[in-house]
């Protein structure tokens, strides 16, 4: 899966296949560290965590109207 990524330091856009730090790493398949090929900056991929938080927020957001109607 080739994703388009954005470096927070140099503001460059790059494809996930361009990262050089994952070529020889044994845990590269499950690693969340992203390496910018332009400036070498390493940062953590938070997209999976953001998707989980969005699901939790949606789940709690659906429950609020029911809880408010019970307390009234």
C-alpha atoms as a PDB file:
ATOM      1  CA  UNK A   1       0.000   0.000   0.000  1.00  0.00           C
ATOM      2  CA  UNK A   2       1.615   3.232  -1.159  1.00  0.00           C
ATOM      3  CA  UNK A   3       0.330   6.283   0.751  1.00  0.00           C
ATOM      4  CA  UNK A   4       1.081   9.955   0.264  1.00  0.00           C
ATOM      5  CA  UNK A   5       2.713  11.356   3.404  1.00  0.00           C
ATOM      6  CA  UNK A   6       3.563  14.885   4.546  1.00  0.00           C
ATOM      7  CA  UNK A   7       6.682  15.828   6.524  1.00  0.00           C
ATOM      8  CA  UNK A   8       5.901  18.215   9.409  1.00  0.00           C
ATOM      9  CA  UNK A   9       9.448  19.620   9.381  1.00  0.00           C
ATOM     10  CA  UNK A  10      10.260  20.416   5.734  1.00  0.00           C
ATOM     11  CA  UNK A  11       6.632  20.354   4.507  1.00  0.00           C
ATOM     12  CA  UNK A  12       7.514  17.991   1.636  1.00  0.00           C
ATOM     13  CA  UNK A  13       5.061  15.418   0.321  1.00  0.00           C
ATOM     14  CA  UNK A  14       6.402  11.936  -0.384  1.00  0.00           C
ATOM     15  CA  UNK A  15       5.175   8.423  -1.036  1.00  0.00           C
ATOM     16  CA  UNK A  16       5.571   5.744   1.623  1.00  0.00           C
ATOM     17  CA  UNK A  17       7.647   3.712  -0.843  1.00  0.00           C
ATOM     18  CA  UNK A  18      10.286   6.491  -0.888  1.00  0.00           C
ATOM     19  CA  UNK A  19      11.248   6.021   2.781  1.00  0.00           C
ATOM     20  CA  UNK A  20      14.755   4.626   3.056  1.00  0.00           C
ATOM     21  CA  UNK A  21      14.756   3.789   6.763  1.00  0.00           C
ATOM     22  CA  UNK A  22      12.463   0.771   6.322  1.00  0.00           C
ATOM     23  CA  UNK A  23      14.557  -1.102   3.776  1.00  0.00           C
ATOM     24  CA  UNK A  24      16.712  -3.078   6.208  1.00  0.00           C
ATOM     25  CA  UNK A  25      14.619  -3.011   9.364  1.00  0.00           C
ATOM     26  CA  UNK A  26      13.274  -6.307  10.705  1.00  0.00           C
ATOM     27  CA  UNK A  27      10.158  -4.743  12.231  1.00  0.00           C
ATOM     28  CA  UNK A  28       9.408  -2.444   9.310  1.00  0.00           C
ATOM     29  CA  UNK A  29       6.033  -4.044   8.624  1.00  0.00           C
ATOM     30  CA  UNK A  30       4.624  -2.920  11.995  1.00  0.00           C
ATOM     31  CA  UNK A  31       6.763   0.164  12.585  1.00  0.00           C
ATOM     32  CA  UNK A  32       4.980   3.500  13.057  1.00  0.00           C
ATOM     33  CA  UNK A  33       8.084   5.660  12.555  1.00  0.00           C
ATOM     34  CA  UNK A  34       8.114   7.525   9.253  1.00  0.00           C
ATOM     35  CA  UNK A  35      11.332   8.887   7.728  1.00  0.00           C
ATOM     36  CA  UNK A  36      11.266  11.823   5.336  1.00  0.00           C
ATOM     37  CA  UNK A  37      13.526  11.100   2.332  1.00  0.00           C
ATOM     38  CA  UNK A  38      14.077  14.833   1.772  1.00  0.00           C
ATOM     39  CA  UNK A  39      15.341  16.004   5.171  1.00  0.00           C
ATOM     40  CA  UNK A  40      15.748  12.766   7.165  1.00  0.00           C
ATOM     41  CA  UNK A  41      13.291  13.821   9.887  1.00  0.00           C
ATOM     42  CA  UNK A  42      11.684  10.884  11.702  1.00  0.00           C
ATOM     43  CA  UNK A  43       8.161  11.193  13.070  1.00  0.00           C
ATOM     44  CA  UNK A  44       5.462   8.844  14.331  1.00  0.00           C
ATOM     45  CA  UNK A  45       2.534   7.882  12.116  1.00  0.00           C
ATOM     46  CA  UNK A  46      -0.590   8.750  14.109  1.00  0.00           C
ATOM     47  CA  UNK A  47      -3.222   7.981  11.467  1.00  0.00           C
ATOM     48  CA  UNK A  48      -4.205   4.617  12.997  1.00  0.00           C
ATOM     49  CA  UNK A  49      -4.595   6.215  16.423  1.00  0.00           C
ATOM     50  CA  UNK A  50      -6.652   9.072  14.978  1.00  0.00           C
ATOM     51  CA  UNK A  51      -9.037   6.613  13.284  1.00  0.00           C
ATOM     52  CA  UNK A  52      -9.540   4.775  16.591  1.00  0.00           C
ATOM     53  CA  UNK A  53     -10.188   8.037  18.440  1.00  0.00           C
ATOM     54  CA  UNK A  54     -12.705   9.103  15.782  1.00  0.00           C
ATOM     55  CA  UNK A  55     -14.592   5.823  16.239  1.00  0.00           C
ATOM     56  CA  UNK A  56     -14.631   6.284  20.019  1.00  0.00           C
ATOM     57  CA  UNK A  57     -15.815   9.888  19.692  1.00  0.00           C
ATOM     58  CA  UNK A  58     -18.592   8.844  17.296  1.00  0.00           C
ATOM     59  CA  UNK A  59     -19.654   6.037  19.621  1.00  0.00           C
ATOM     60  CA  UNK A  60     -19.834   8.343  22.654  1.00  0.00           C
ATOM     61  CA  UNK A  61     -21.456  11.055  20.542  1.00  0.00           C
ATOM     62  CA  UNK A  62     -24.320   8.713  19.673  1.00  0.00           C
ATOM     63  CA  UNK A  63     -24.914   7.834  23.305  1.00  0.00           C
ATOM     64  CA  UNK A  64     -25.124  11.386  24.645  1.00  0.00           C
ATOM     65  CA  UNK A  65     -28.647  12.262  23.418  1.00  0.00           C
ATOM     66  CA  UNK A  66     -30.042   9.103  25.074  1.00  0.00           C
ATOM     67  CA  UNK A  67     -28.343   9.886  28.374  1.00  0.00           C
ATOM     68  CA  UNK A  68     -29.573  13.496  28.325  1.00  0.00           C
ATOM     69  CA  UNK A  69     -33.178  12.430  27.682  1.00  0.00           C
ATOM     70  CA  UNK A  70     -33.074   9.982  30.614  1.00  0.00           C
ATOM     71  CA  UNK A  71     -31.811  12.579  33.083  1.00  0.00           C
ATOM     72  CA  UNK A  72     -34.453  15.168  32.120  1.00  0.00           C
END
